[in-house]
């Protein structure tokens, strides 16, 4: 039986007396992330509340609060490192963001993907609201590359960005009703769409699409003999998401799996006719090309060439 999301929490500064609220808020936010610095505009009457959903892989926070600036100094980064990414998406009120070499003021609906493992500052006005998602570095790096990300503002008000923002809002609203597995599955999809949005999705010009399709076909043709080749490994090698690869290959009415299978069958056909491979058994040829068994290979081969592997070898 599946368990529900590992941890769900709501918190508010109303739980403590007014003179304790800033300390309470600082400790609360530190428990969600790493140790931060704080500058409150009006510390004596600060108010804020959060809703948190957390699994072993992702963390999603909805917040609303009075004006406050959060920051990380180089010293805090050294003492308390954390290289996971944060998606910051204000839904009400602007947010000013400082990162090394960059300063941006973002209105509601414009967000940014950053790491807190570098000095930064986020400054928020009164009655600000938004979403903050913690994303494992591996999920970003395998889609965008370890050096392919800049902390630039990203529009979440239209198109694919709006879809990402709506998905994050729905995940926050319904997170308590989702199982751990469901929460992570939605989060995985959100991150994939987020990265597609950041890189501009995939090329739409016919020439660009043809170039990408050619690159995919060329890579599969070159690596088809690798028994571990999959659509995911192709996508990772070329710096695309699996979904992007699938969309590009739809132009040719095929899929990564079908294309890999076709290339392997062609290699098998050539080897069965080549005297240099006469000493290789049909099973050896099949397993060496990633087919799960000789029977599965024979079935696929017969469907493709209307002949059995033995027919081709003896013919």
C-alpha atoms as a PDB file:
ATOM      1  CA  UNK A   1       0.000   0.000   0.000  1.00  0.00           C
ATOM      2  CA  UNK A   2       1.397   3.427  -0.969  1.00  0.00           C
ATOM      3  CA  UNK A   3       2.077   6.015   1.697  1.00  0.00           C
ATOM      4  CA  UNK A   4       0.977   9.580   1.361  1.00  0.00           C
ATOM      5  CA  UNK A   5       3.487  12.383   0.822  1.00  0.00           C
ATOM      6  CA  UNK A   6       6.236  11.961   3.391  1.00  0.00           C
ATOM      7  CA  UNK A   7       5.745  15.310   5.085  1.00  0.00           C
ATOM      8  CA  UNK A   8       3.065  18.008   4.984  1.00  0.00           C
ATOM      9  CA  UNK A   9       3.156  21.098   7.193  1.00  0.00           C
ATOM     10  CA  UNK A  10       1.478  24.471   7.563  1.00  0.00           C
ATOM     11  CA  UNK A  11       3.032  27.154   9.755  1.00  0.00           C
ATOM     12  CA  UNK A  12       2.211  30.746  10.709  1.00  0.00           C
ATOM     13  CA  UNK A  13       3.832  33.441  12.798  1.00  0.00           C
ATOM     14  CA  UNK A  14       0.507  33.803  14.636  1.00  0.00           C
ATOM     15  CA  UNK A  15       1.594  30.730  16.583  1.00  0.00           C
ATOM     16  CA  UNK A  16       3.992  32.878  18.645  1.00  0.00           C
ATOM     17  CA  UNK A  17       3.952  36.287  20.320  1.00  0.00           C
ATOM     18  CA  UNK A  18       4.771  39.367  18.168  1.00  0.00           C
ATOM     19  CA  UNK A  19       8.240  39.861  19.632  1.00  0.00           C
ATOM     20  CA  UNK A  20       9.188  36.260  18.761  1.00  0.00           C
ATOM     21  CA  UNK A  21       7.902  36.238  15.184  1.00  0.00           C
ATOM     22  CA  UNK A  22      11.064  37.147  13.290  1.00  0.00           C
ATOM     23  CA  UNK A  23      13.115  34.550  15.169  1.00  0.00           C
ATOM     24  CA  UNK A  24      10.382  31.999  14.596  1.00  0.00           C
ATOM     25  CA  UNK A  25      10.263  32.820  10.876  1.00  0.00           C
ATOM     26  CA  UNK A  26      14.042  32.620  10.505  1.00  0.00           C
ATOM     27  CA  UNK A  27      14.217  29.214  12.156  1.00  0.00           C
ATOM     28  CA  UNK A  28      11.248  27.995  10.110  1.00  0.00           C
ATOM     29  CA  UNK A  29      12.784  29.012   6.761  1.00  0.00           C
ATOM     30  CA  UNK A  30      16.194  27.670   7.818  1.00  0.00           C
ATOM     31  CA  UNK A  31      14.559  24.293   8.485  1.00  0.00           C
ATOM     32  CA  UNK A  32      13.271  24.261   4.912  1.00  0.00           C
ATOM     33  CA  UNK A  33      16.599  25.167   3.310  1.00  0.00           C
ATOM     34  CA  UNK A  34      20.024  25.975   4.756  1.00  0.00           C
ATOM     35  CA  UNK A  35      21.003  28.760   7.112  1.00  0.00           C
ATOM     36  CA  UNK A  36      20.143  32.171   5.651  1.00  0.00           C
ATOM     37  CA  UNK A  37      20.537  35.789   6.665  1.00  0.00           C
ATOM     38  CA  UNK A  38      17.424  37.953   7.175  1.00  0.00           C
ATOM     39  CA  UNK A  39      16.571  41.656   7.023  1.00  0.00           C
ATOM     40  CA  UNK A  40      12.992  42.456   8.082  1.00  0.00           C
ATOM     41  CA  UNK A  41      11.468  45.782   7.063  1.00  0.00           C
ATOM     42  CA  UNK A  42       9.269  45.942  10.176  1.00  0.00           C
ATOM     43  CA  UNK A  43      10.471  43.288  12.608  1.00  0.00           C
ATOM     44  CA  UNK A  44       8.054  44.222  15.398  1.00  0.00           C
ATOM     45  CA  UNK A  45       4.877  43.266  13.572  1.00  0.00           C
ATOM     46  CA  UNK A  46       6.081  40.817  10.910  1.00  0.00           C
ATOM     47  CA  UNK A  47       3.563  38.263   9.678  1.00  0.00           C
ATOM     48  CA  UNK A  48       4.019  35.247   7.464  1.00  0.00           C
ATOM     49  CA  UNK A  49       2.697  31.775   6.739  1.00  0.00           C
ATOM     50  CA  UNK A  50       3.865  28.759   4.751  1.00  0.00           C
ATOM     51  CA  UNK A  51       2.532  25.475   3.408  1.00  0.00           C
ATOM     52  CA  UNK A  52       5.122  22.761   2.853  1.00  0.00           C
ATOM     53  CA  UNK A  53       5.034  19.463   0.947  1.00  0.00           C
ATOM     54  CA  UNK A  54       8.164  17.318   1.035  1.00  0.00           C
ATOM     55  CA  UNK A  55       9.197  13.882  -0.202  1.00  0.00           C
ATOM     56  CA  UNK A  56      12.633  12.327  -0.333  1.00  0.00           C
ATOM     57  CA  UNK A  57      13.210  13.952  -3.732  1.00  0.00           C
ATOM     58  CA  UNK A  58      11.319  17.241  -3.885  1.00  0.00           C
ATOM     59  CA  UNK A  59      10.138  20.050  -1.672  1.00  0.00           C
ATOM     60  CA  UNK A  60       7.423  22.567  -2.558  1.00  0.00           C
ATOM     61  CA  UNK A  61       6.591  25.595  -0.407  1.00  0.00           C
ATOM     62  CA  UNK A  62       3.811  28.109  -0.771  1.00  0.00           C
ATOM     63  CA  UNK A  63       4.416  31.337   1.142  1.00  0.00           C
ATOM     64  CA  UNK A  64       2.844  34.676   1.940  1.00  0.00           C
ATOM     65  CA  UNK A  65       4.542  37.242   4.148  1.00  0.00           C
ATOM     66  CA  UNK A  66       5.387  40.841   4.890  1.00  0.00           C
ATOM     67  CA  UNK A  67       8.469  42.505   3.419  1.00  0.00           C
ATOM     68  CA  UNK A  68      11.739  40.664   4.063  1.00  0.00           C
ATOM     69  CA  UNK A  69      15.125  40.170   2.403  1.00  0.00           C
ATOM     70  CA  UNK A  70      16.797  36.768   2.464  1.00  0.00           C
ATOM     71  CA  UNK A  71      20.497  36.442   1.724  1.00  0.00           C
ATOM     72  CA  UNK A  72      23.418  34.025   1.713  1.00  0.00           C
ATOM     73  CA  UNK A  73      26.940  35.295   2.221  1.00  0.00           C
ATOM     74  CA  UNK A  74      30.070  33.500   1.042  1.00  0.00           C
ATOM     75  CA  UNK A  75      30.687  32.470   4.639  1.00  0.00           C
ATOM     76  CA  UNK A  76      27.244  30.882   4.987  1.00  0.00           C
ATOM     77  CA  UNK A  77      27.739  29.038   1.706  1.00  0.00           C
ATOM     78  CA  UNK A  78      31.057  27.611   2.901  1.00  0.00           C
ATOM     79  CA  UNK A  79      29.719  26.577   6.294  1.00  0.00           C
ATOM     80  CA  UNK A  80      26.381  25.154   5.129  1.00  0.00           C
ATOM     81  CA  UNK A  81      26.498  24.128   1.459  1.00  0.00           C
ATOM     82  CA  UNK A  82      23.570  22.935  -0.629  1.00  0.00           C
ATOM     83  CA  UNK A  83      23.880  22.557  -4.411  1.00  0.00           C
ATOM     84  CA  UNK A  84      20.235  21.715  -5.168  1.00  0.00           C
ATOM     85  CA  UNK A  85      18.299  24.175  -7.292  1.00  0.00           C
ATOM     86  CA  UNK A  86      15.420  26.400  -6.237  1.00  0.00           C
ATOM     87  CA  UNK A  87      12.624  27.518  -8.496  1.00  0.00           C
ATOM     88  CA  UNK A  88      11.398  30.865  -7.154  1.00  0.00           C
ATOM     89  CA  UNK A  89       8.051  31.935  -8.588  1.00  0.00           C
ATOM     90  CA  UNK A  90       6.310  34.995  -7.078  1.00  0.00           C
ATOM     91  CA  UNK A  91       2.542  34.970  -7.611  1.00  0.00           C
ATOM     92  CA  UNK A  92       1.803  38.316  -5.947  1.00  0.00           C
ATOM     93  CA  UNK A  93       4.107  41.292  -5.582  1.00  0.00           C
ATOM     94  CA  UNK A  94       7.541  41.804  -7.138  1.00  0.00           C
ATOM     95  CA  UNK A  95      10.757  40.144  -6.002  1.00  0.00           C
ATOM     96  CA  UNK A  96      14.253  41.596  -6.457  1.00  0.00           C
ATOM     97  CA  UNK A  97      17.003  39.021  -6.944  1.00  0.00           C
ATOM     98  CA  UNK A  98      20.770  39.566  -6.688  1.00  0.00           C
ATOM     99  CA  UNK A  99      23.191  36.844  -7.773  1.00  0.00           C
ATOM    100  CA  UNK A 100      26.883  37.211  -8.736  1.00  0.00           C
ATOM    101  CA  UNK A 101      27.003  39.481 -11.758  1.00  0.00           C
ATOM    102  CA  UNK A 102      23.250  39.813 -12.068  1.00  0.00           C
ATOM    103  CA  UNK A 103      20.415  41.890 -10.613  1.00  0.00           C
ATOM    104  CA  UNK A 104      16.787  41.450 -11.643  1.00  0.00           C
ATOM    105  CA  UNK A 105      13.476  42.816 -10.427  1.00  0.00           C
ATOM    106  CA  UNK A 106      10.765  40.285 -11.212  1.00  0.00           C
ATOM    107  CA  UNK A 107       7.028  41.054 -11.217  1.00  0.00           C
ATOM    108  CA  UNK A 108       4.471  38.441 -10.233  1.00  0.00           C
ATOM    109  CA  UNK A 109       4.491  35.611 -12.751  1.00  0.00           C
ATOM    110  CA  UNK A 110       8.188  35.927 -13.575  1.00  0.00           C
ATOM    111  CA  UNK A 111      10.467  33.496 -11.769  1.00  0.00           C
ATOM    112  CA  UNK A 112      14.039  32.302 -11.652  1.00  0.00           C
ATOM    113  CA  UNK A 113      15.886  29.000 -11.226  1.00  0.00           C
ATOM    114  CA  UNK A 114      18.974  29.338  -9.034  1.00  0.00           C
ATOM    115  CA  UNK A 115      21.233  27.483  -6.647  1.00  0.00           C
ATOM    116  CA  UNK A 116      21.707  28.766  -3.098  1.00  0.00           C
ATOM    117  CA  UNK A 117      25.261  27.426  -3.106  1.00  0.00           C
ATOM    118  CA  UNK A 118      26.510  30.897  -4.037  1.00  0.00           C
ATOM    119  CA  UNK A 119      25.975  34.330  -2.477  1.00  0.00           C
ATOM    120  CA  UNK A 120      22.587  35.848  -3.286  1.00  0.00           C
ATOM    121  CA  UNK A 121      19.797  38.050  -1.953  1.00  0.00           C
ATOM    122  CA  UNK A 122      16.017  37.941  -2.500  1.00  0.00           C
ATOM    123  CA  UNK A 123      14.045  41.014  -1.477  1.00  0.00           C
ATOM    124  CA  UNK A 124      10.245  40.857  -1.173  1.00  0.00           C
ATOM    125  CA  UNK A 125       7.623  43.555  -0.573  1.00  0.00           C
ATOM    126  CA  UNK A 126       4.649  43.474   1.813  1.00  0.00           C
ATOM    127  CA  UNK A 127       1.869  40.985   1.142  1.00  0.00           C
ATOM    128  CA  UNK A 128       4.017  38.983  -1.248  1.00  0.00           C
ATOM    129  CA  UNK A 129       3.075  35.435  -2.190  1.00  0.00           C
ATOM    130  CA  UNK A 130       4.659  32.729  -4.232  1.00  0.00           C
ATOM    131  CA  UNK A 131       5.963  29.211  -4.694  1.00  0.00           C
ATOM    132  CA  UNK A 132       9.436  27.875  -3.967  1.00  0.00           C
ATOM    133  CA  UNK A 133      10.416  24.424  -5.188  1.00  0.00           C
ATOM    134  CA  UNK A 134      13.612  22.585  -4.287  1.00  0.00           C
ATOM    135  CA  UNK A 135      14.832  20.428  -7.184  1.00  0.00           C
ATOM    136  CA  UNK A 136      17.727  17.943  -6.955  1.00  0.00           C
ATOM    137  CA  UNK A 137      20.720  19.111  -8.975  1.00  0.00           C
ATOM    138  CA  UNK A 138      20.849  15.843 -10.909  1.00  0.00           C
ATOM    139  CA  UNK A 139      17.378  16.510 -12.337  1.00  0.00           C
ATOM    140  CA  UNK A 140      18.498  19.874 -13.740  1.00  0.00           C
ATOM    141  CA  UNK A 141      22.019  18.905 -14.794  1.00  0.00           C
ATOM    142  CA  UNK A 142      20.917  15.901 -16.850  1.00  0.00           C
ATOM    143  CA  UNK A 143      18.544  18.124 -18.826  1.00  0.00           C
ATOM    144  CA  UNK A 144      20.419  21.402 -19.040  1.00  0.00           C
ATOM    145  CA  UNK A 145      23.991  20.276 -18.397  1.00  0.00           C
ATOM    146  CA  UNK A 146      26.173  21.190 -15.407  1.00  0.00           C
ATOM    147  CA  UNK A 147      27.089  24.587 -16.856  1.00  0.00           C
ATOM    148  CA  UNK A 148      24.109  25.344 -19.061  1.00  0.00           C
ATOM    149  CA  UNK A 149      22.060  27.432 -16.639  1.00  0.00           C
ATOM    150  CA  UNK A 150      22.080  31.143 -15.937  1.00  0.00           C
ATOM    151  CA  UNK A 151      19.952  32.742 -13.232  1.00  0.00           C
ATOM    152  CA  UNK A 152      17.914  34.770 -15.690  1.00  0.00           C
ATOM    153  CA  UNK A 153      14.242  35.718 -15.254  1.00  0.00           C
ATOM    154  CA  UNK A 154      11.796  33.270 -16.821  1.00  0.00           C
ATOM    155  CA  UNK A 155       8.244  34.228 -17.826  1.00  0.00           C
ATOM    156  CA  UNK A 156       5.556  31.954 -16.378  1.00  0.00           C
ATOM    157  CA  UNK A 157       2.530  33.953 -17.516  1.00  0.00           C
ATOM    158  CA  UNK A 158       1.974  32.499 -21.007  1.00  0.00           C
ATOM    159  CA  UNK A 159       2.512  29.371 -23.081  1.00  0.00           C
ATOM    160  CA  UNK A 160       4.543  26.543 -21.625  1.00  0.00           C
ATOM    161  CA  UNK A 161       5.562  28.767 -18.698  1.00  0.00           C
ATOM    162  CA  UNK A 162       1.916  29.164 -17.718  1.00  0.00           C
ATOM    163  CA  UNK A 163       1.493  25.391 -17.857  1.00  0.00           C
ATOM    164  CA  UNK A 164       4.465  24.968 -15.499  1.00  0.00           C
ATOM    165  CA  UNK A 165       3.096  27.595 -13.074  1.00  0.00           C
ATOM    166  CA  UNK A 166      -0.377  26.027 -13.097  1.00  0.00           C
ATOM    167  CA  UNK A 167       1.121  22.595 -12.504  1.00  0.00           C
ATOM    168  CA  UNK A 168       3.120  23.901  -9.535  1.00  0.00           C
ATOM    169  CA  UNK A 169       0.038  25.621  -8.099  1.00  0.00           C
ATOM    170  CA  UNK A 170      -2.035  22.478  -8.503  1.00  0.00           C
ATOM    171  CA  UNK A 171       0.667  20.374  -6.886  1.00  0.00           C
ATOM    172  CA  UNK A 172       0.718  22.706  -3.896  1.00  0.00           C
ATOM    173  CA  UNK A 173      -3.071  22.710  -3.592  1.00  0.00           C
ATOM    174  CA  UNK A 174      -3.508  18.948  -3.932  1.00  0.00           C
ATOM    175  CA  UNK A 175      -0.198  17.707  -2.541  1.00  0.00           C
ATOM    176  CA  UNK A 176      -1.730  16.447   0.681  1.00  0.00           C
ATOM    177  CA  UNK A 177      -4.083  14.187  -1.311  1.00  0.00           C
ATOM    178  CA  UNK A 178      -1.263  12.623  -3.365  1.00  0.00           C
ATOM    179  CA  UNK A 179       0.838   9.613  -2.548  1.00  0.00           C
ATOM    180  CA  UNK A 180       4.581   9.955  -2.298  1.00  0.00           C
ATOM    181  CA  UNK A 181       4.940   8.327  -5.717  1.00  0.00           C
ATOM    182  CA  UNK A 182       2.286  10.562  -7.293  1.00  0.00           C
ATOM    183  CA  UNK A 183       3.856  13.718  -5.885  1.00  0.00           C
ATOM    184  CA  UNK A 184       7.262  12.772  -7.303  1.00  0.00           C
ATOM    185  CA  UNK A 185       5.767  11.779 -10.667  1.00  0.00           C
ATOM    186  CA  UNK A 186       4.085  15.176 -11.060  1.00  0.00           C
ATOM    187  CA  UNK A 187       7.268  16.917  -9.892  1.00  0.00           C
ATOM    188  CA  UNK A 188       9.335  15.008 -12.471  1.00  0.00           C
ATOM    189  CA  UNK A 189       6.995  16.144 -15.222  1.00  0.00           C
ATOM    190  CA  UNK A 190       7.068  19.712 -13.923  1.00  0.00           C
ATOM    191  CA  UNK A 191      10.872  19.782 -14.007  1.00  0.00           C
ATOM    192  CA  UNK A 192      10.967  18.369 -17.539  1.00  0.00           C
ATOM    193  CA  UNK A 193       8.551  21.052 -18.766  1.00  0.00           C
ATOM    194  CA  UNK A 194      10.448  23.726 -16.842  1.00  0.00           C
ATOM    195  CA  UNK A 195      13.715  22.818 -18.556  1.00  0.00           C
ATOM    196  CA  UNK A 196      12.023  22.723 -21.952  1.00  0.00           C
ATOM    197  CA  UNK A 197      10.703  26.221 -21.255  1.00  0.00           C
ATOM    198  CA  UNK A 198      14.099  27.518 -20.139  1.00  0.00           C
ATOM    199  CA  UNK A 199      15.891  26.297 -23.267  1.00  0.00           C
ATOM    200  CA  UNK A 200      13.074  27.467 -25.521  1.00  0.00           C
ATOM    201  CA  UNK A 201      11.435  24.038 -25.904  1.00  0.00           C
ATOM    202  CA  UNK A 202      12.673  22.511 -29.169  1.00  0.00           C
ATOM    203  CA  UNK A 203      13.340  23.969 -32.639  1.00  0.00           C
ATOM    204  CA  UNK A 204      10.236  24.666 -34.724  1.00  0.00           C
ATOM    205  CA  UNK A 205      11.764  25.747 -38.041  1.00  0.00           C
ATOM    206  CA  UNK A 206      11.688  22.852 -40.559  1.00  0.00           C
ATOM    207  CA  UNK A 207      15.440  23.035 -41.160  1.00  0.00           C
ATOM    208  CA  UNK A 208      16.150  22.940 -37.404  1.00  0.00           C
ATOM    209  CA  UNK A 209      13.838  19.971 -36.905  1.00  0.00           C
ATOM    210  CA  UNK A 210      15.471  18.117 -39.787  1.00  0.00           C
ATOM    211  CA  UNK A 211      18.925  18.772 -38.314  1.00  0.00           C
ATOM    212  CA  UNK A 212      17.874  17.450 -34.912  1.00  0.00           C
ATOM    213  CA  UNK A 213      16.212  14.388 -36.441  1.00  0.00           C
ATOM    214  CA  UNK A 214      19.355  13.680 -38.464  1.00  0.00           C
ATOM    215  CA  UNK A 215      21.499  13.999 -35.339  1.00  0.00           C
ATOM    216  CA  UNK A 216      19.290  11.532 -33.472  1.00  0.00           C
ATOM    217  CA  UNK A 217      19.283   9.026 -36.324  1.00  0.00           C
ATOM    218  CA  UNK A 218      23.038   9.350 -36.759  1.00  0.00           C
ATOM    219  CA  UNK A 219      23.697   8.788 -33.056  1.00  0.00           C
ATOM    220  CA  UNK A 220      21.460   5.706 -32.947  1.00  0.00           C
ATOM    221  CA  UNK A 221      23.064   4.288 -36.103  1.00  0.00           C
ATOM    222  CA  UNK A 222      26.532   4.781 -34.621  1.00  0.00           C
ATOM    223  CA  UNK A 223      25.685   3.309 -31.208  1.00  0.00           C
ATOM    224  CA  UNK A 224      23.066   0.672 -32.102  1.00  0.00           C
ATOM    225  CA  UNK A 225      25.460  -2.138 -31.148  1.00  0.00           C
ATOM    226  CA  UNK A 226      25.469  -0.903 -27.545  1.00  0.00           C
ATOM    227  CA  UNK A 227      23.034  -3.254 -25.740  1.00  0.00           C
ATOM    228  CA  UNK A 228      22.291  -0.525 -23.178  1.00  0.00           C
ATOM    229  CA  UNK A 229      21.194   2.052 -25.774  1.00  0.00           C
ATOM    230  CA  UNK A 230      17.762   3.561 -25.021  1.00  0.00           C
ATOM    231  CA  UNK A 231      15.848   6.694 -25.922  1.00  0.00           C
ATOM    232  CA  UNK A 232      16.917   8.193 -22.606  1.00  0.00           C
ATOM    233  CA  UNK A 233      20.624   7.596 -23.213  1.00  0.00           C
ATOM    234  CA  UNK A 234      20.289   9.129 -26.681  1.00  0.00           C
ATOM    235  CA  UNK A 235      18.553  12.191 -25.239  1.00  0.00           C
ATOM    236  CA  UNK A 236      21.159  12.611 -22.503  1.00  0.00           C
ATOM    237  CA  UNK A 237      24.045  12.258 -24.964  1.00  0.00           C
ATOM    238  CA  UNK A 238      22.610  14.910 -27.288  1.00  0.00           C
ATOM    239  CA  UNK A 239      21.529  17.310 -24.525  1.00  0.00           C
ATOM    240  CA  UNK A 240      17.785  16.990 -25.100  1.00  0.00           C
ATOM    241  CA  UNK A 241      14.944  15.601 -23.035  1.00  0.00           C
ATOM    242  CA  UNK A 242      13.404  12.257 -23.979  1.00  0.00           C
ATOM    243  CA  UNK A 243      10.138  14.044 -24.777  1.00  0.00           C
ATOM    244  CA  UNK A 244      11.906  16.357 -27.199  1.00  0.00           C
ATOM    245  CA  UNK A 245      13.498  13.391 -28.971  1.00  0.00           C
ATOM    246  CA  UNK A 246      10.105  11.722 -29.219  1.00  0.00           C
ATOM    247  CA  UNK A 247       8.505  14.818 -30.698  1.00  0.00           C
ATOM    248  CA  UNK A 248      11.225  15.233 -33.312  1.00  0.00           C
ATOM    249  CA  UNK A 249      11.030  11.583 -34.420  1.00  0.00           C
ATOM    250  CA  UNK A 250       7.269  11.838 -34.823  1.00  0.00           C
ATOM    251  CA  UNK A 251       8.039  13.665 -38.057  1.00  0.00           C
ATOM    252  CA  UNK A 252       9.342  10.384 -39.432  1.00  0.00           C
ATOM    253  CA  UNK A 253       6.471   8.376 -37.915  1.00  0.00           C
ATOM    254  CA  UNK A 254       8.766   6.527 -35.540  1.00  0.00           C
ATOM    255  CA  UNK A 255       9.925   6.485 -31.930  1.00  0.00           C
ATOM    256  CA  UNK A 256      13.371   6.119 -30.311  1.00  0.00           C
ATOM    257  CA  UNK A 257      12.592   2.526 -29.399  1.00  0.00           C
ATOM    258  CA  UNK A 258      11.438   1.630 -32.914  1.00  0.00           C
ATOM    259  CA  UNK A 259      14.433   3.335 -34.491  1.00  0.00           C
ATOM    260  CA  UNK A 260      16.903   1.524 -32.224  1.00  0.00           C
ATOM    261  CA  UNK A 261      15.160  -1.775 -32.973  1.00  0.00           C
ATOM    262  CA  UNK A 262      15.291  -1.144 -36.728  1.00  0.00           C
ATOM    263  CA  UNK A 263      19.004  -0.324 -36.691  1.00  0.00           C
ATOM    264  CA  UNK A 264      19.775  -3.433 -34.661  1.00  0.00           C
ATOM    265  CA  UNK A 265      17.776  -5.666 -37.000  1.00  0.00           C
ATOM    266  CA  UNK A 266      19.654  -4.246 -39.974  1.00  0.00           C
ATOM    267  CA  UNK A 267      22.973  -4.977 -38.255  1.00  0.00           C
ATOM    268  CA  UNK A 268      21.790  -8.511 -37.448  1.00  0.00           C
ATOM    269  CA  UNK A 269      20.723  -9.071 -41.058  1.00  0.00           C
ATOM    270  CA  UNK A 270      24.128  -7.959 -42.319  1.00  0.00           C
ATOM    271  CA  UNK A 271      25.971 -10.198 -39.849  1.00  0.00           C
ATOM    272  CA  UNK A 272      23.883 -13.239 -40.723  1.00  0.00           C
ATOM    273  CA  UNK A 273      24.906 -12.831 -44.374  1.00  0.00           C
ATOM    274  CA  UNK A 274      28.540 -12.041 -43.623  1.00  0.00           C
ATOM    275  CA  UNK A 275      30.898 -15.085 -43.632  1.00  0.00           C
ATOM    276  CA  UNK A 276      33.060 -13.323 -41.059  1.00  0.00           C
ATOM    277  CA  UNK A 277      30.281 -13.929 -38.488  1.00  0.00           C
ATOM    278  CA  UNK A 278      29.648 -17.543 -39.492  1.00  0.00           C
ATOM    279  CA  UNK A 279      31.088 -18.808 -36.222  1.00  0.00           C
ATOM    280  CA  UNK A 280      28.679 -16.593 -34.215  1.00  0.00           C
ATOM    281  CA  UNK A 281      25.502 -18.321 -33.150  1.00  0.00           C
ATOM    282  CA  UNK A 282      22.171 -16.623 -33.773  1.00  0.00           C
ATOM    283  CA  UNK A 283      21.705 -16.317 -30.010  1.00  0.00           C
ATOM    284  CA  UNK A 284      25.096 -14.591 -29.663  1.00  0.00           C
ATOM    285  CA  UNK A 285      24.177 -12.092 -32.379  1.00  0.00           C
ATOM    286  CA  UNK A 286      20.786 -11.439 -30.763  1.00  0.00           C
ATOM    287  CA  UNK A 287      22.009 -10.950 -27.212  1.00  0.00           C
ATOM    288  CA  UNK A 288      24.968  -8.882 -28.357  1.00  0.00           C
ATOM    289  CA  UNK A 289      22.573  -6.375 -29.926  1.00  0.00           C
ATOM    290  CA  UNK A 290      20.418  -5.968 -26.828  1.00  0.00           C
ATOM    291  CA  UNK A 291      17.554  -8.367 -27.614  1.00  0.00           C
ATOM    292  CA  UNK A 292      16.300 -10.043 -24.465  1.00  0.00           C
ATOM    293  CA  UNK A 293      16.269 -13.558 -25.898  1.00  0.00           C
ATOM    294  CA  UNK A 294      16.792 -15.513 -29.104  1.00  0.00           C
ATOM    295  CA  UNK A 295      13.039 -16.082 -29.427  1.00  0.00           C
ATOM    296  CA  UNK A 296      12.253 -12.363 -29.096  1.00  0.00           C
ATOM    297  CA  UNK A 297      14.906 -11.621 -31.702  1.00  0.00           C
ATOM    298  CA  UNK A 298      13.560 -14.264 -34.091  1.00  0.00           C
ATOM    299  CA  UNK A 299      10.015 -12.923 -33.788  1.00  0.00           C
ATOM    300  CA  UNK A 300      11.084  -9.337 -34.469  1.00  0.00           C
ATOM    301  CA  UNK A 301      13.360 -10.445 -37.317  1.00  0.00           C
ATOM    302  CA  UNK A 302      10.631 -12.482 -39.020  1.00  0.00           C
ATOM    303  CA  UNK A 303       8.159  -9.591 -38.748  1.00  0.00           C
ATOM    304  CA  UNK A 304      10.673  -7.200 -40.299  1.00  0.00           C
ATOM    305  CA  UNK A 305      12.151  -9.356 -43.091  1.00  0.00           C
ATOM    306  CA  UNK A 306       9.457 -12.015 -43.602  1.00  0.00           C
ATOM    307  CA  UNK A 307      12.100 -14.660 -43.021  1.00  0.00           C
ATOM    308  CA  UNK A 308      13.758 -16.298 -40.032  1.00  0.00           C
ATOM    309  CA  UNK A 309      17.385 -15.569 -39.048  1.00  0.00           C
ATOM    310  CA  UNK A 310      18.241 -19.145 -40.050  1.00  0.00           C
ATOM    311  CA  UNK A 311      16.689 -18.618 -43.496  1.00  0.00           C
ATOM    312  CA  UNK A 312      18.928 -15.590 -44.091  1.00  0.00           C
ATOM    313  CA  UNK A 313      22.055 -17.356 -42.853  1.00  0.00           C
ATOM    314  CA  UNK A 314      21.480 -20.505 -44.915  1.00  0.00           C
ATOM    315  CA  UNK A 315      20.254 -18.558 -47.953  1.00  0.00           C
END
